[in-house]
Amino acid sequence: MSGPIILGHWNFWIVLYLWLVGIGTGAFLTAYYIDRKAGARDMLVKASWIGVVTLVVGMLFLLVDLGRPLRFWHILVSFMPLSPMWIGTWIIAITTVSIFLAALTKSKGVALLAAITAALAASYVGVLLTVSAIPLWSGTLMLPWLFLASAFTTGAATLSLLSKGNKYNSILGEVGKTYGFLELIILALFVIWGFVSAPTATANMVIGKYIGAFWIGVLILGIIAPLYLNFKTVNKIKPIPAILMIMVGGFVLRYIIVFAVQ
């Protein structure tokens, strides 16, 4: 493949797809880290099922967006190793299968494969956008890292929501704080870089049409407020409002990245 990818008009289904892939892969990666650190097999199994469900539902939303399921099947069965879209499709497929197997077996090799593919799946859309023809996406190298950091925060939040009273709450809090800070730093770099490479689209996102969504939905509710609450509840159960804010913030982040250029 040569030259940038020309992506068509994306809609709400794609945002849901991106959000669910982030939640599913992030939940598994978080649980894998905790399992390696504290032997949390029960949490790894729970995260595996979260991953399978969110990835499958996300793929269904992608099929709805494509409008022609056979188009997806054509991508899957074709051999296009230089196509980021073909590579991404197979990454999602392998991730779903490996996470499913991780729920059924105690094999460390399977769990490691699932973790590697989950990290690739969480960030691959950022890679796909980076090689597109749209300046806001292609003009920065921050998107894959932003999607990966957001996957960790939303995934950890989902595990917290479904694991109330769990003995691993302190480790979940550590993951949330670490990747919350990373997401904040990467988001700042993305915006700064965006004002250089795509000033119009970046302004539309930060001080234009999506100003409220960016500053309130993503920055304040999605990152800063949960970080503050996380520090106030060290070694305690994270309050549900903070969890929901992180998950909503992750959705709004993907929404404005997709729609700010359209």
C-alpha atoms as a PDB file:
ATOM      1  CA  MET A   1       0.000   0.000   0.000  1.00  0.00           C
ATOM      2  CA  SER A   2       1.283   3.444  -0.870  1.00  0.00           C
ATOM      3  CA  GLY A   3      -0.048   6.846   0.087  1.00  0.00           C
ATOM      4  CA  PRO A   4      -2.444   7.768   2.884  1.00  0.00           C
ATOM      5  CA  ILE A   5      -5.711   5.960   3.532  1.00  0.00           C
ATOM      6  CA  ILE A   6      -8.845   7.810   2.436  1.00  0.00           C
ATOM      7  CA  LEU A   7     -11.410   7.136   5.149  1.00  0.00           C
ATOM      8  CA  GLY A   8     -15.073   7.630   4.491  1.00  0.00           C
ATOM      9  CA  HIS A   9     -17.567   9.549   6.605  1.00  0.00           C
ATOM     10  CA  TRP A  10     -17.752   7.936  10.033  1.00  0.00           C
ATOM     11  CA  ASN A  11     -20.829   8.076  12.242  1.00  0.00           C
ATOM     12  CA  PHE A  12     -22.038   7.324  15.758  1.00  0.00           C
ATOM     13  CA  TRP A  13     -21.660   3.537  15.365  1.00  0.00           C
ATOM     14  CA  ILE A  14     -17.915   3.927  14.884  1.00  0.00           C
ATOM     15  CA  VAL A  15     -17.644   5.922  18.106  1.00  0.00           C
ATOM     16  CA  LEU A  16     -19.455   3.157  19.991  1.00  0.00           C
ATOM     17  CA  TYR A  17     -17.147   0.604  18.388  1.00  0.00           C
ATOM     18  CA  LEU A  18     -14.013   2.500  19.420  1.00  0.00           C
ATOM     19  CA  TRP A  19     -15.348   2.973  22.945  1.00  0.00           C
ATOM     20  CA  LEU A  20     -16.236  -0.692  23.462  1.00  0.00           C
ATOM     21  CA  VAL A  21     -12.925  -1.926  22.045  1.00  0.00           C
ATOM     22  CA  GLY A  22     -11.153   0.394  24.488  1.00  0.00           C
ATOM     23  CA  ILE A  23     -13.182  -0.850  27.463  1.00  0.00           C
ATOM     24  CA  GLY A  24     -12.745  -4.522  26.603  1.00  0.00           C
ATOM     25  CA  THR A  25      -9.040  -4.447  25.863  1.00  0.00           C
ATOM     26  CA  GLY A  26      -8.311  -2.091  28.745  1.00  0.00           C
ATOM     27  CA  ALA A  27     -10.190  -4.276  31.229  1.00  0.00           C
ATOM     28  CA  PHE A  28      -8.217  -7.330  30.156  1.00  0.00           C
ATOM     29  CA  LEU A  29      -4.854  -5.532  30.199  1.00  0.00           C
ATOM     30  CA  THR A  30      -5.571  -4.160  33.668  1.00  0.00           C
ATOM     31  CA  ALA A  31      -6.609  -7.571  34.983  1.00  0.00           C
ATOM     32  CA  TYR A  32      -3.588  -9.210  33.369  1.00  0.00           C
ATOM     33  CA  TYR A  33      -1.296  -6.763  35.156  1.00  0.00           C
ATOM     34  CA  ILE A  34      -3.041  -7.384  38.491  1.00  0.00           C
ATOM     35  CA  ASP A  35      -2.954 -11.158  37.973  1.00  0.00           C
ATOM     36  CA  ARG A  36       0.782 -11.053  37.309  1.00  0.00           C
ATOM     37  CA  LYS A  37       1.313  -8.862  40.363  1.00  0.00           C
ATOM     38  CA  ALA A  38      -1.096 -10.431  42.866  1.00  0.00           C
ATOM     39  CA  GLY A  39      -2.377 -13.694  41.399  1.00  0.00           C
ATOM     40  CA  ALA A  40      -5.864 -12.387  40.601  1.00  0.00           C
ATOM     41  CA  ARG A  41      -7.100 -15.267  38.447  1.00  0.00           C
ATOM     42  CA  ASP A  42     -10.741 -14.520  39.301  1.00  0.00           C
ATOM     43  CA  MET A  43     -10.389 -10.948  38.053  1.00  0.00           C
ATOM     44  CA  LEU A  44      -8.627 -12.102  34.878  1.00  0.00           C
ATOM     45  CA  VAL A  45     -11.524 -14.431  34.071  1.00  0.00           C
ATOM     46  CA  LYS A  46     -14.053 -11.672  34.713  1.00  0.00           C
ATOM     47  CA  ALA A  47     -12.096  -9.246  32.547  1.00  0.00           C
ATOM     48  CA  SER A  48     -11.859 -11.871  29.804  1.00  0.00           C
ATOM     49  CA  TRP A  49     -15.631 -12.129  29.579  1.00  0.00           C
ATOM     50  CA  ILE A  50     -15.933  -8.348  29.651  1.00  0.00           C
ATOM     51  CA  GLY A  51     -13.458  -8.243  26.776  1.00  0.00           C
ATOM     52  CA  VAL A  52     -15.227 -10.885  24.715  1.00  0.00           C
ATOM     53  CA  VAL A  53     -18.649  -9.265  25.110  1.00  0.00           C
ATOM     54  CA  THR A  54     -17.486  -5.715  24.389  1.00  0.00           C
ATOM     55  CA  LEU A  55     -15.368  -6.746  21.396  1.00  0.00           C
ATOM     56  CA  VAL A  56     -18.163  -8.814  19.846  1.00  0.00           C
ATOM     57  CA  VAL A  57     -20.762  -6.080  20.376  1.00  0.00           C
ATOM     58  CA  GLY A  58     -18.283  -3.507  19.070  1.00  0.00           C
ATOM     59  CA  MET A  59     -17.755  -5.556  15.921  1.00  0.00           C
ATOM     60  CA  LEU A  60     -21.527  -5.721  15.442  1.00  0.00           C
ATOM     61  CA  PHE A  61     -21.639  -1.914  15.585  1.00  0.00           C
ATOM     62  CA  LEU A  62     -18.843  -1.827  13.001  1.00  0.00           C
ATOM     63  CA  LEU A  63     -20.880  -4.103  10.730  1.00  0.00           C
ATOM     64  CA  VAL A  64     -23.881  -1.798  11.126  1.00  0.00           C
ATOM     65  CA  ASP A  65     -21.697   1.127  10.085  1.00  0.00           C
ATOM     66  CA  LEU A  66     -20.355  -0.736   7.048  1.00  0.00           C
ATOM     67  CA  GLY A  67     -23.912  -1.554   6.001  1.00  0.00           C
ATOM     68  CA  ARG A  68     -22.616  -4.577   4.084  1.00  0.00           C
ATOM     69  CA  PRO A  69     -21.439  -7.457   6.292  1.00  0.00           C
ATOM     70  CA  LEU A  70     -19.905  -9.166   3.250  1.00  0.00           C
ATOM     71  CA  ARG A  71     -17.486  -6.237   2.991  1.00  0.00           C
ATOM     72  CA  PHE A  72     -16.095  -7.111   6.411  1.00  0.00           C
ATOM     73  CA  TRP A  73     -15.873 -10.776   5.441  1.00  0.00           C
ATOM     74  CA  HIS A  74     -14.004  -9.812   2.279  1.00  0.00           C
ATOM     75  CA  ILE A  75     -11.444  -7.896   4.332  1.00  0.00           C
ATOM     76  CA  LEU A  76     -11.075 -10.836   6.707  1.00  0.00           C
ATOM     77  CA  VAL A  77     -10.460 -13.524   4.068  1.00  0.00           C
ATOM     78  CA  SER A  78      -8.303 -11.407   1.769  1.00  0.00           C
ATOM     79  CA  PHE A  79      -4.525 -11.289   2.161  1.00  0.00           C
ATOM     80  CA  MET A  80      -3.429  -7.649   2.339  1.00  0.00           C
ATOM     81  CA  PRO A  81      -0.481  -7.533   4.780  1.00  0.00           C
ATOM     82  CA  LEU A  82       0.377  -3.942   3.836  1.00  0.00           C
ATOM     83  CA  SER A  83      -3.140  -2.673   4.582  1.00  0.00           C
ATOM     84  CA  PRO A  84      -3.561  -1.178   8.101  1.00  0.00           C
ATOM     85  CA  MET A  85      -7.301  -1.931   7.901  1.00  0.00           C
ATOM     86  CA  TRP A  86      -6.664  -5.621   7.103  1.00  0.00           C
ATOM     87  CA  ILE A  87      -4.080  -5.848   9.877  1.00  0.00           C
ATOM     88  CA  GLY A  88      -6.449  -4.165  12.333  1.00  0.00           C
ATOM     89  CA  THR A  89      -9.310  -6.498  11.458  1.00  0.00           C
ATOM     90  CA  TRP A  90      -7.166  -9.531  12.137  1.00  0.00           C
ATOM     91  CA  ILE A  91      -5.811  -8.027  15.354  1.00  0.00           C
ATOM     92  CA  ILE A  92      -9.374  -7.612  16.653  1.00  0.00           C
ATOM     93  CA  ALA A  93     -10.290 -11.143  15.590  1.00  0.00           C
ATOM     94  CA  ILE A  94      -7.211 -12.714  17.191  1.00  0.00           C
ATOM     95  CA  THR A  95      -7.676 -10.607  20.330  1.00  0.00           C
ATOM     96  CA  THR A  96     -11.280 -11.760  20.734  1.00  0.00           C
ATOM     97  CA  VAL A  97     -10.351 -15.424  20.340  1.00  0.00           C
ATOM     98  CA  SER A  98      -7.288 -15.245  22.599  1.00  0.00           C
ATOM     99  CA  ILE A  99      -9.181 -13.396  25.353  1.00  0.00           C
ATOM    100  CA  PHE A 100     -11.944 -16.015  25.109  1.00  0.00           C
ATOM    101  CA  LEU A 101      -9.377 -18.794  25.496  1.00  0.00           C
ATOM    102  CA  ALA A 102      -7.783 -16.948  28.434  1.00  0.00           C
ATOM    103  CA  ALA A 103     -11.117 -17.232  30.236  1.00  0.00           C
ATOM    104  CA  LEU A 104     -11.208 -20.996  29.695  1.00  0.00           C
ATOM    105  CA  THR A 105      -7.618 -21.987  30.362  1.00  0.00           C
ATOM    106  CA  LYS A 106      -4.969 -21.152  32.933  1.00  0.00           C
ATOM    107  CA  SER A 107      -2.247 -21.137  30.294  1.00  0.00           C
ATOM    108  CA  LYS A 108       0.162 -18.255  30.873  1.00  0.00           C
ATOM    109  CA  GLY A 109       1.106 -18.341  27.207  1.00  0.00           C
ATOM    110  CA  VAL A 110      -2.489 -17.788  26.113  1.00  0.00           C
ATOM    111  CA  ALA A 111      -2.904 -14.967  28.623  1.00  0.00           C
ATOM    112  CA  LEU A 112       0.304 -13.325  27.379  1.00  0.00           C
ATOM    113  CA  LEU A 113      -0.846 -13.601  23.748  1.00  0.00           C
ATOM    114  CA  ALA A 114      -4.192 -12.088  24.720  1.00  0.00           C
ATOM    115  CA  ALA A 115      -2.444  -9.207  26.522  1.00  0.00           C
ATOM    116  CA  ILE A 116      -0.175  -8.467  23.553  1.00  0.00           C
ATOM    117  CA  THR A 117      -3.015  -8.517  21.032  1.00  0.00           C
ATOM    118  CA  ALA A 118      -5.239  -6.507  23.386  1.00  0.00           C
ATOM    119  CA  ALA A 119      -2.614  -3.762  23.566  1.00  0.00           C
ATOM    120  CA  LEU A 120      -2.363  -3.782  19.777  1.00  0.00           C
ATOM    121  CA  ALA A 121      -6.153  -3.716  19.412  1.00  0.00           C
ATOM    122  CA  ALA A 122      -6.491  -0.812  21.846  1.00  0.00           C
ATOM    123  CA  SER A 123      -4.058   1.318  19.872  1.00  0.00           C
ATOM    124  CA  TYR A 124      -4.449   0.121  16.285  1.00  0.00           C
ATOM    125  CA  VAL A 125      -7.276   2.530  15.427  1.00  0.00           C
ATOM    126  CA  GLY A 126      -4.936   5.349  16.375  1.00  0.00           C
ATOM    127  CA  VAL A 127      -2.402   3.903  13.936  1.00  0.00           C
ATOM    128  CA  LEU A 128      -5.090   3.640  11.249  1.00  0.00           C
ATOM    129  CA  LEU A 129      -6.042   7.278  11.749  1.00  0.00           C
ATOM    130  CA  THR A 130      -2.396   8.343  11.779  1.00  0.00           C
ATOM    131  CA  VAL A 131      -1.887   6.958   8.250  1.00  0.00           C
ATOM    132  CA  SER A 132      -5.081   8.586   6.964  1.00  0.00           C
ATOM    133  CA  ALA A 133      -5.310  11.683   4.769  1.00  0.00           C
ATOM    134  CA  ILE A 134      -6.888  13.823   7.518  1.00  0.00           C
ATOM    135  CA  PRO A 135      -4.386  16.344   9.007  1.00  0.00           C
ATOM    136  CA  LEU A 136      -5.648  16.246  12.604  1.00  0.00           C
ATOM    137  CA  TRP A 137      -5.138  12.489  12.665  1.00  0.00           C
ATOM    138  CA  SER A 138      -2.118  12.091  10.412  1.00  0.00           C
ATOM    139  CA  GLY A 139      -0.245  15.121  11.715  1.00  0.00           C
ATOM    140  CA  THR A 140       0.522  13.600  15.111  1.00  0.00           C
ATOM    141  CA  LEU A 141       1.955  10.397  16.536  1.00  0.00           C
ATOM    142  CA  MET A 142      -0.029  10.715  19.768  1.00  0.00           C
ATOM    143  CA  LEU A 143      -3.283   9.016  18.753  1.00  0.00           C
ATOM    144  CA  PRO A 144      -2.246   5.365  19.307  1.00  0.00           C
ATOM    145  CA  TRP A 145      -0.895   6.228  22.747  1.00  0.00           C
ATOM    146  CA  LEU A 146      -3.962   8.302  23.590  1.00  0.00           C
ATOM    147  CA  PHE A 147      -6.289   5.434  22.690  1.00  0.00           C
ATOM    148  CA  LEU A 148      -4.151   2.988  24.700  1.00  0.00           C
ATOM    149  CA  ALA A 149      -4.069   5.188  27.813  1.00  0.00           C
ATOM    150  CA  SER A 150      -7.821   5.779  27.562  1.00  0.00           C
ATOM    151  CA  ALA A 151      -8.364   2.020  27.195  1.00  0.00           C
ATOM    152  CA  PHE A 152      -6.570   1.444  30.496  1.00  0.00           C
ATOM    153  CA  THR A 153      -8.576   4.106  32.346  1.00  0.00           C
ATOM    154  CA  THR A 154     -11.978   3.018  30.999  1.00  0.00           C
ATOM    155  CA  GLY A 155     -11.094  -0.666  31.401  1.00  0.00           C
ATOM    156  CA  ALA A 156      -9.964  -0.199  34.993  1.00  0.00           C
ATOM    157  CA  ALA A 157     -13.126   1.811  35.685  1.00  0.00           C
ATOM    158  CA  THR A 158     -15.271  -0.997  34.293  1.00  0.00           C
ATOM    159  CA  LEU A 159     -13.522  -3.542  36.503  1.00  0.00           C
ATOM    160  CA  SER A 160     -14.014  -1.263  39.514  1.00  0.00           C
ATOM    161  CA  LEU A 161     -17.718  -0.974  38.716  1.00  0.00           C
ATOM    162  CA  LEU A 162     -18.113  -4.754  38.504  1.00  0.00           C
ATOM    163  CA  SER A 163     -15.809  -5.592  41.422  1.00  0.00           C
ATOM    164  CA  LYS A 164     -17.211  -3.666  44.363  1.00  0.00           C
ATOM    165  CA  GLY A 165     -15.594  -4.702  47.630  1.00  0.00           C
ATOM    166  CA  ASN A 166     -12.776  -6.441  45.775  1.00  0.00           C
ATOM    167  CA  LYS A 167      -9.431  -6.876  47.561  1.00  0.00           C
ATOM    168  CA  TYR A 168      -7.643  -5.517  44.486  1.00  0.00           C
ATOM    169  CA  ASN A 169      -9.193  -2.053  44.718  1.00  0.00           C
ATOM    170  CA  SER A 170      -5.907  -0.432  45.709  1.00  0.00           C
ATOM    171  CA  ILE A 171      -4.140  -1.842  42.618  1.00  0.00           C
ATOM    172  CA  LEU A 172      -7.060  -0.793  40.413  1.00  0.00           C
ATOM    173  CA  GLY A 173      -6.672   2.678  41.880  1.00  0.00           C
ATOM    174  CA  GLU A 174      -2.955   2.681  41.056  1.00  0.00           C
ATOM    175  CA  VAL A 175      -3.703   1.756  37.431  1.00  0.00           C
ATOM    176  CA  GLY A 176      -6.391   4.431  37.226  1.00  0.00           C
ATOM    177  CA  LYS A 177      -4.106   7.154  38.586  1.00  0.00           C
ATOM    178  CA  THR A 178      -1.084   6.178  36.498  1.00  0.00           C
ATOM    179  CA  TYR A 179      -2.912   6.014  33.203  1.00  0.00           C
ATOM    180  CA  GLY A 180      -5.113   8.960  34.079  1.00  0.00           C
ATOM    181  CA  PHE A 181      -1.990  11.117  34.360  1.00  0.00           C
ATOM    182  CA  LEU A 182      -0.559   9.611  31.186  1.00  0.00           C
ATOM    183  CA  GLU A 183      -3.798  10.273  29.326  1.00  0.00           C
ATOM    184  CA  LEU A 184      -3.739  13.887  30.501  1.00  0.00           C
ATOM    185  CA  ILE A 185      -0.147  14.372  29.303  1.00  0.00           C
ATOM    186  CA  ILE A 186      -0.732  12.626  25.964  1.00  0.00           C
ATOM    187  CA  LEU A 187      -3.942  14.598  25.380  1.00  0.00           C
ATOM    188  CA  ALA A 188      -2.044  17.861  25.979  1.00  0.00           C
ATOM    189  CA  LEU A 189       0.647  16.797  23.497  1.00  0.00           C
ATOM    190  CA  PHE A 190      -2.017  15.800  20.974  1.00  0.00           C
ATOM    191  CA  VAL A 191      -3.666  19.217  21.198  1.00  0.00           C
ATOM    192  CA  ILE A 192      -0.365  21.129  20.990  1.00  0.00           C
ATOM    193  CA  TRP A 193       0.728  19.033  18.016  1.00  0.00           C
ATOM    194  CA  GLY A 194      -2.705  19.463  16.460  1.00  0.00           C
ATOM    195  CA  PHE A 195      -2.514  23.266  16.544  1.00  0.00           C
ATOM    196  CA  VAL A 196       0.658  22.953  14.479  1.00  0.00           C
ATOM    197  CA  SER A 197      -0.453  20.332  11.948  1.00  0.00           C
ATOM    198  CA  ALA A 198      -4.223  20.979  11.749  1.00  0.00           C
ATOM    199  CA  PRO A 199      -5.086  24.304  13.439  1.00  0.00           C
ATOM    200  CA  THR A 200      -8.646  24.544  12.091  1.00  0.00           C
ATOM    201  CA  ALA A 201      -9.774  21.083  13.212  1.00  0.00           C
ATOM    202  CA  THR A 202      -7.966  21.404  16.546  1.00  0.00           C
ATOM    203  CA  ALA A 203      -9.559  24.783  17.207  1.00  0.00           C
ATOM    204  CA  ASN A 204     -12.942  23.261  16.347  1.00  0.00           C
ATOM    205  CA  MET A 205     -12.297  20.629  18.984  1.00  0.00           C
ATOM    206  CA  VAL A 206     -10.835  22.804  21.739  1.00  0.00           C
ATOM    207  CA  ILE A 207     -12.333  26.295  21.374  1.00  0.00           C
ATOM    208  CA  GLY A 208     -14.994  25.856  18.717  1.00  0.00           C
ATOM    209  CA  LYS A 209     -18.013  23.618  18.210  1.00  0.00           C
ATOM    210  CA  TYR A 210     -16.844  20.950  20.645  1.00  0.00           C
ATOM    211  CA  ILE A 211     -15.468  23.241  23.352  1.00  0.00           C
ATOM    212  CA  GLY A 212     -17.933  21.996  25.984  1.00  0.00           C
ATOM    213  CA  ALA A 213     -17.415  18.348  25.120  1.00  0.00           C
ATOM    214  CA  PHE A 214     -13.633  18.739  25.270  1.00  0.00           C
ATOM    215  CA  TRP A 215     -13.207  20.806  28.427  1.00  0.00           C
ATOM    216  CA  ILE A 216     -16.119  19.453  30.464  1.00  0.00           C
ATOM    217  CA  GLY A 217     -16.731  15.989  29.023  1.00  0.00           C
ATOM    218  CA  VAL A 218     -13.148  14.867  28.440  1.00  0.00           C
ATOM    219  CA  LEU A 219     -10.803  17.002  30.519  1.00  0.00           C
ATOM    220  CA  ILE A 220     -12.777  17.777  33.686  1.00  0.00           C
ATOM    221  CA  LEU A 221     -15.274  14.920  34.041  1.00  0.00           C
ATOM    222  CA  GLY A 222     -13.261  12.267  32.231  1.00  0.00           C
ATOM    223  CA  ILE A 223      -9.780  12.860  33.670  1.00  0.00           C
ATOM    224  CA  ILE A 224      -9.271  15.593  36.300  1.00  0.00           C
ATOM    225  CA  ALA A 225     -12.282  14.963  38.564  1.00  0.00           C
ATOM    226  CA  PRO A 226     -11.750  11.163  38.679  1.00  0.00           C
ATOM    227  CA  LEU A 227      -8.062  11.684  39.468  1.00  0.00           C
ATOM    228  CA  TYR A 228      -9.009  13.978  42.352  1.00  0.00           C
ATOM    229  CA  LEU A 229     -11.555  11.483  43.681  1.00  0.00           C
ATOM    230  CA  ASN A 230      -9.039   8.660  43.232  1.00  0.00           C
ATOM    231  CA  PHE A 231      -6.546  10.429  45.476  1.00  0.00           C
ATOM    232  CA  LYS A 232      -9.245  11.023  48.096  1.00  0.00           C
ATOM    233  CA  THR A 233     -10.227   7.350  48.166  1.00  0.00           C
ATOM    234  CA  VAL A 234      -6.842   5.642  48.311  1.00  0.00           C
ATOM    235  CA  ASN A 235      -7.258   1.930  49.224  1.00  0.00           C
ATOM    236  CA  LYS A 236     -11.019   2.414  49.268  1.00  0.00           C
ATOM    237  CA  ILE A 237     -13.747   1.543  46.830  1.00  0.00           C
ATOM    238  CA  LYS A 238     -13.781   4.116  44.087  1.00  0.00           C
ATOM    239  CA  PRO A 239     -17.125   6.013  44.109  1.00  0.00           C
ATOM    240  CA  ILE A 240     -19.499   5.095  41.290  1.00  0.00           C
ATOM    241  CA  PRO A 241     -19.737   8.718  40.027  1.00  0.00           C
ATOM    242  CA  ALA A 242     -15.971   8.735  39.386  1.00  0.00           C
ATOM    243  CA  ILE A 243     -16.200   5.412  37.546  1.00  0.00           C
ATOM    244  CA  LEU A 244     -19.055   6.618  35.360  1.00  0.00           C
ATOM    245  CA  MET A 245     -17.261   9.908  34.655  1.00  0.00           C
ATOM    246  CA  ILE A 246     -14.213   8.024  33.371  1.00  0.00           C
ATOM    247  CA  MET A 247     -16.342   5.852  31.094  1.00  0.00           C
ATOM    248  CA  VAL A 248     -18.323   8.814  29.755  1.00  0.00           C
ATOM    249  CA  GLY A 249     -15.107  10.784  29.286  1.00  0.00           C
ATOM    250  CA  GLY A 250     -13.629   7.939  27.242  1.00  0.00           C
ATOM    251  CA  PHE A 251     -16.683   7.952  24.993  1.00  0.00           C
ATOM    252  CA  VAL A 252     -16.656  11.727  24.530  1.00  0.00           C
ATOM    253  CA  LEU A 253     -12.926  11.648  23.728  1.00  0.00           C
ATOM    254  CA  ARG A 254     -13.523   9.284  20.816  1.00  0.00           C
ATOM    255  CA  TYR A 255     -16.591  11.228  19.732  1.00  0.00           C
ATOM    256  CA  ILE A 256     -14.796  14.540  19.322  1.00  0.00           C
ATOM    257  CA  ILE A 257     -11.724  12.968  17.690  1.00  0.00           C
ATOM    258  CA  VAL A 258     -13.991  11.411  15.042  1.00  0.00           C
ATOM    259  CA  PHE A 259     -16.386  14.299  14.523  1.00  0.00           C
ATOM    260  CA  ALA A 260     -14.140  17.340  14.922  1.00  0.00           C
ATOM    261  CA  VAL A 261     -12.798  16.761  11.397  1.00  0.00           C
ATOM    262  CA  GLN A 262     -16.175  16.169   9.751  1.00  0.00           C
END
